[in-house]
Amino acid sequence: MEYTGIQGKVALVTGAAQGIGEAVARALAEAGALVAALDVNKEAVECLAEKLSAEGFLVKAFAADVADSQAVEAAVERAEQELGPIGILVNVAGLLRLGSIETLRDEDWAAVFAVNASGVFYVSRSVVKRMAPRKSGAIVTVGSNAALVPRMHMAAYCASKAAAAMVTKCLGLEQAANHIRCNIVSPGSTDTGMQRMLWNGPSGPQSVIAGSPESYRLGIPLGRIAEPADIAAAVLFLASDRARHITMLDLCVDGGATLGV
């Protein structure tokens, strides 16, 4: 399937240096977008840009912390100056801190919300104020199916991802008159560095697929853990003209782990 409406557009991807962000940056580049790859890890994002550029794609690296609104504004301004008007934004940058609510530290709660919720707000706000006068744009936030169901020891992550999803939906409602579509892709367990942090030994993937009754967590009906490319494919669809009449959607890509909640 050809995803029209992406070729030649500038696409800003946060959290682009690894995992789902890297897969999204690659997918957009392969679809013909000019990719502004943004990440807090300067060395890693520059390495990604060099690798994709060597393959013939136009990708430029931008180092910034999405939790810093001034750094975000500067990076977005620089991206538009160097690549052109941003037509696609994909919010991927994320942070996970684990702990039961009674033991979770203030700084852990604040750090997770700073990246997962405030980061989505800061980047989306900076980009959409430039998109709005142009009356065009597509924004996709990579959330989590953990925003849809409670998870033990993941209160900060679940709550921050739920906040990011609602910010994106509210933005979609506010900007509908400007033809700016705002959607969410909510992955389940995906083979990334963040996911591997949760595994205990070589049986980790199978344990995730099987589920865990003691933590009230269902398994994955499709019997596999997602690859980052699976999530990137959903993002690519929602960013393209194939989804031109879709906005404020939360598309869950989790192999059925949340039973369609």
Protein backbone atom coordinates (compact mmCIF):
# COMPACT_ATOMS: atom_id res chain seq x y z
CA MET A 1 0.00 0.00 0.00
CA GLU A 2 1.31 3.43 -0.95
CA TYR A 3 0.98 5.97 1.82
CA THR A 4 0.26 9.23 0.00
CA GLY A 5 0.66 12.60 1.65
CA ILE A 6 4.05 11.85 3.21
CA GLN A 7 6.55 12.24 0.39
CA GLY A 8 8.31 15.60 0.46
CA LYS A 9 6.88 16.62 3.83
CA VAL A 10 8.98 17.50 6.85
CA ALA A 11 8.34 15.04 9.68
CA LEU A 12 9.54 15.70 13.23
CA VAL A 13 10.01 12.55 15.32
CA THR A 14 10.85 12.77 19.03
CA GLY A 15 12.64 9.95 20.81
CA ALA A 16 14.07 9.04 17.42
CA ALA A 17 17.39 7.57 18.52
CA GLN A 18 16.17 4.09 19.40
CA GLY A 19 13.29 1.64 19.60
CA ILE A 20 9.92 2.73 18.23
CA GLY A 21 11.21 6.25 17.51
CA GLU A 22 13.98 4.90 15.31
CA ALA A 23 11.54 2.63 13.48
CA VAL A 24 9.17 5.54 12.90
CA ALA A 25 11.97 7.77 11.62
CA ARG A 26 13.05 5.06 9.19
CA ALA A 27 9.50 4.34 7.99
CA LEU A 28 8.82 8.02 7.31
CA ALA A 29 12.15 8.43 5.53
CA GLU A 30 11.45 5.38 3.36
CA ALA A 31 8.05 6.90 2.51
CA GLY A 32 9.80 10.02 1.23
CA ALA A 33 9.60 12.38 4.20
CA LEU A 34 12.36 14.78 5.22
CA VAL A 35 12.91 13.63 8.78
CA ALA A 36 13.89 15.86 11.69
CA ALA A 37 15.07 13.26 14.22
CA LEU A 38 14.97 14.69 17.74
CA ASP A 39 16.32 13.02 20.87
CA VAL A 40 17.90 13.97 24.18
CA ASN A 41 20.81 11.63 23.33
CA LYS A 42 22.84 13.80 20.95
CA GLU A 43 25.38 11.15 20.00
CA ALA A 44 22.79 8.45 19.33
CA VAL A 45 20.49 10.63 17.24
CA GLU A 46 23.40 11.94 15.18
CA CYS A 47 24.46 8.32 14.58
CA LEU A 48 20.95 7.49 13.37
CA ALA A 49 20.89 10.48 11.04
CA GLU A 50 24.26 9.52 9.59
CA LYS A 51 23.16 5.92 9.06
CA LEU A 52 19.91 6.85 7.29
CA SER A 53 21.60 9.60 5.28
CA ALA A 54 24.16 7.06 4.09
CA GLU A 55 21.25 4.99 2.77
CA GLY A 56 20.10 7.94 0.68
CA PHE A 57 17.44 9.41 2.93
CA LEU A 58 17.23 13.03 4.09
CA VAL A 59 17.45 12.92 7.88
CA LYS A 60 18.85 15.61 10.17
CA ALA A 61 19.55 15.23 13.88
CA PHE A 62 18.35 17.65 16.54
CA ALA A 63 19.35 17.24 20.19
CA ALA A 64 16.85 18.48 22.75
CA ASP A 65 15.09 17.37 25.92
CA VAL A 66 11.32 17.34 25.31
CA ALA A 67 10.85 18.15 29.02
CA ASP A 68 12.46 21.55 28.44
CA SER A 69 9.96 23.85 26.71
CA GLN A 70 12.60 26.40 25.68
CA ALA A 71 14.83 23.71 24.18
CA VAL A 72 11.81 22.31 22.32
CA GLU A 73 10.91 25.71 20.88
CA ALA A 74 14.50 26.27 19.73
CA ALA A 75 14.71 22.82 18.12
CA VAL A 76 11.39 23.20 16.29
CA GLU A 77 12.38 26.63 15.00
CA ARG A 78 15.72 25.29 13.81
CA ALA A 79 14.06 22.29 12.11
CA GLU A 80 11.73 24.58 10.16
CA GLN A 81 14.60 26.85 9.17
CA GLU A 82 16.81 23.99 7.97
CA LEU A 83 14.25 21.59 6.48
CA GLY A 84 11.07 23.59 5.89
CA PRO A 85 7.58 23.71 7.40
CA ILE A 86 6.76 20.71 9.56
CA GLY A 87 3.80 18.80 8.15
CA ILE A 88 3.97 15.71 10.37
CA LEU A 89 4.78 15.36 14.07
CA VAL A 90 5.23 12.03 15.84
CA ASN A 91 5.63 12.17 19.63
CA VAL A 92 7.54 9.05 20.67
CA ALA A 93 9.91 10.12 23.47
CA GLY A 94 9.07 8.25 26.64
CA LEU A 95 10.35 7.37 30.10
CA LEU A 96 9.54 4.47 32.43
CA ARG A 97 10.06 4.45 36.19
CA LEU A 98 8.70 1.48 38.13
CA GLY A 99 7.50 1.32 41.71
CA SER A 100 4.42 0.80 43.83
CA ILE A 101 2.57 4.00 44.64
CA GLU A 102 3.59 3.97 48.30
CA THR A 103 7.29 3.70 47.39
CA LEU A 104 7.40 5.85 44.24
CA ARG A 105 9.58 8.91 44.80
CA ASP A 106 8.50 12.45 43.98
CA GLU A 107 11.35 12.79 41.50
CA ASP A 108 10.33 9.60 39.66
CA TRP A 109 6.74 10.77 39.29
CA ALA A 110 7.87 14.22 38.13
CA ALA A 111 10.44 12.84 35.67
CA VAL A 112 7.96 10.50 34.00
CA PHE A 113 5.32 13.22 33.63
CA ALA A 114 7.93 15.71 32.42
CA VAL A 115 8.76 13.52 29.42
CA ASN A 116 5.60 11.51 28.73
CA ALA A 117 2.98 14.20 29.32
CA SER A 118 4.61 17.64 29.42
CA GLY A 119 6.93 16.66 26.56
CA VAL A 120 3.97 15.82 24.34
CA PHE A 121 2.35 19.12 25.31
CA TYR A 122 5.47 21.21 24.70
CA VAL A 123 6.34 19.69 21.32
CA SER A 124 2.76 19.59 20.07
CA ARG A 125 2.16 23.20 21.13
CA SER A 126 5.33 24.40 19.41
CA VAL A 127 4.56 22.55 16.18
CA VAL A 128 0.82 23.20 15.99
CA LYS A 129 1.14 26.97 16.30
CA ARG A 130 3.17 26.79 13.09
CA MET A 131 0.84 24.27 11.41
CA ALA A 132 -2.36 26.20 12.20
CA PRO A 133 -1.78 29.18 9.86
CA ARG A 134 -0.94 26.70 7.09
CA LYS A 135 -4.27 24.88 7.67
CA SER A 136 -2.66 21.47 7.37
CA GLY A 137 -0.87 18.86 9.45
CA ALA A 138 -0.89 15.44 11.07
CA ILE A 139 0.15 14.70 14.64
CA VAL A 140 0.53 11.19 16.04
CA THR A 141 1.35 10.52 19.68
CA VAL A 142 2.74 7.11 20.58
CA GLY A 143 1.00 6.31 23.84
CA SER A 144 0.58 2.93 25.50
CA ASN A 145 -2.13 0.37 26.16
CA ALA A 146 -1.09 0.93 29.80
CA ALA A 147 -3.12 4.15 29.58
CA LEU A 148 -6.23 2.02 29.11
CA VAL A 149 -5.93 -0.50 31.95
CA PRO A 150 -4.33 -0.40 35.43
CA ARG A 151 -0.86 -1.94 35.75
CA MET A 152 0.85 -2.84 39.01
CA HIS A 153 3.95 -0.75 39.82
CA MET A 154 3.39 1.44 36.75
CA ALA A 155 1.15 4.21 38.10
CA ALA A 156 3.35 7.08 36.89
CA TYR A 157 3.75 5.59 33.42
CA CYS A 158 0.05 4.69 33.04
CA ALA A 159 -1.16 8.08 34.26
CA SER A 160 1.32 10.04 32.14
CA LYS A 161 0.42 8.11 28.99
CA ALA A 162 -3.29 8.65 29.69
CA ALA A 163 -2.59 12.38 30.03
CA ALA A 164 -0.66 12.42 26.75
CA ALA A 165 -3.52 10.69 24.96
CA MET A 166 -6.08 13.18 26.24
CA VAL A 167 -3.88 16.17 25.38
CA THR A 168 -3.64 14.79 21.84
CA LYS A 169 -7.40 14.29 21.58
CA CYS A 170 -8.12 17.79 22.89
CA LEU A 171 -5.63 19.19 20.38
CA GLY A 172 -7.39 17.27 17.62
CA LEU A 173 -10.72 18.81 18.59
CA GLU A 174 -9.30 22.33 18.79
CA GLN A 175 -7.45 22.06 15.48
CA ALA A 176 -10.04 20.20 13.40
CA ALA A 177 -11.14 23.47 11.77
CA ASN A 178 -7.53 23.95 10.65
CA HIS A 179 -7.50 20.47 9.03
CA ILE A 180 -4.89 19.23 11.52
CA ARG A 181 -5.51 15.61 12.47
CA CYS A 182 -4.33 14.37 15.88
CA ASN A 183 -4.30 10.66 16.71
CA ILE A 184 -2.73 8.22 19.14
CA VAL A 185 -1.09 4.84 18.57
CA SER A 186 -1.04 2.80 21.78
CA PRO A 187 1.40 -0.11 21.65
CA GLY A 188 1.40 -3.07 23.97
CA SER A 189 4.54 -5.04 24.73
CA THR A 190 7.07 -4.21 22.01
CA ASP A 191 10.62 -5.48 21.67
CA THR A 192 12.52 -2.36 22.75
CA GLY A 193 15.09 -1.52 25.39
CA MET A 194 12.30 -0.27 27.66
CA GLN A 195 10.41 -3.57 27.33
CA ARG A 196 13.54 -5.63 28.00
CA MET A 197 13.96 -3.80 31.30
CA LEU A 198 10.84 -5.67 32.44
CA TRP A 199 12.06 -9.14 31.47
CA ASN A 200 13.50 -11.60 33.97
CA GLY A 201 15.96 -13.79 32.11
CA PRO A 202 15.61 -15.59 28.75
CA SER A 203 12.01 -16.60 29.47
CA GLY A 204 10.97 -12.95 29.59
CA PRO A 205 9.24 -12.79 26.18
CA GLN A 206 7.27 -15.99 26.77
CA SER A 207 6.21 -14.78 30.21
CA VAL A 208 4.84 -11.59 28.68
CA ILE A 209 2.97 -13.54 26.01
CA ALA A 210 1.54 -15.95 28.59
CA GLY A 211 0.45 -13.23 31.00
CA SER A 212 0.70 -13.05 34.77
CA PRO A 213 -2.34 -13.89 36.94
CA GLU A 214 -0.58 -12.74 40.13
CA SER A 215 -0.21 -9.23 38.68
CA TYR A 216 -3.67 -9.33 37.06
CA ARG A 217 -2.11 -9.00 33.62
CA LEU A 218 -3.55 -10.77 30.59
CA GLY A 219 -1.31 -12.37 28.01
CA ILE A 220 -1.16 -11.58 24.30
CA PRO A 221 -3.83 -13.46 22.28
CA LEU A 222 -1.86 -13.20 19.01
CA GLY A 223 1.01 -15.01 20.69
CA ARG A 224 3.84 -12.64 19.86
CA ILE A 225 5.51 -9.48 21.09
CA ALA A 226 5.34 -6.58 18.66
CA GLU A 227 8.36 -5.35 16.77
CA PRO A 228 8.98 -1.59 16.54
CA ALA A 229 8.16 -1.79 12.82
CA ASP A 230 4.62 -2.94 13.70
CA ILE A 231 4.05 0.28 15.61
CA ALA A 232 5.72 2.38 12.91
CA ALA A 233 3.34 0.94 10.33
CA ALA A 234 0.33 2.15 12.32
CA VAL A 235 1.93 5.58 12.75
CA LEU A 236 2.65 5.78 9.03
CA PHE A 237 -1.00 5.04 8.20
CA LEU A 238 -2.35 7.72 10.57
CA ALA A 239 0.16 10.29 9.29
CA SER A 240 -0.79 9.61 5.68
CA ASP A 241 -3.68 10.70 3.50
CA ARG A 242 -5.08 7.17 3.83
CA ALA A 243 -6.30 8.37 7.23
CA ARG A 244 -7.49 11.76 6.00
CA HIS A 245 -10.89 11.41 7.74
CA ILE A 246 -9.53 10.06 11.03
CA THR A 247 -8.81 12.26 14.02
CA MET A 248 -8.89 11.87 17.81
CA LEU A 249 -8.54 8.08 17.42
CA ASP A 250 -6.62 5.93 19.90
CA LEU A 251 -5.43 2.92 17.89
CA CYS A 252 -4.34 0.08 20.16
CA VAL A 253 -1.61 -2.10 18.65
CA ASP A 254 -1.08 -4.78 21.29
CA GLY A 255 -1.95 -8.17 19.82
CA GLY A 256 -5.23 -8.15 21.72
CA ALA A 257 -3.61 -7.87 25.17
CA THR A 258 -6.24 -5.44 26.44
CA LEU A 259 -9.11 -7.32 24.76
CA GLY A 260 -10.10 -4.31 22.68
CA VAL A 261 -10.66 -1.95 25.64
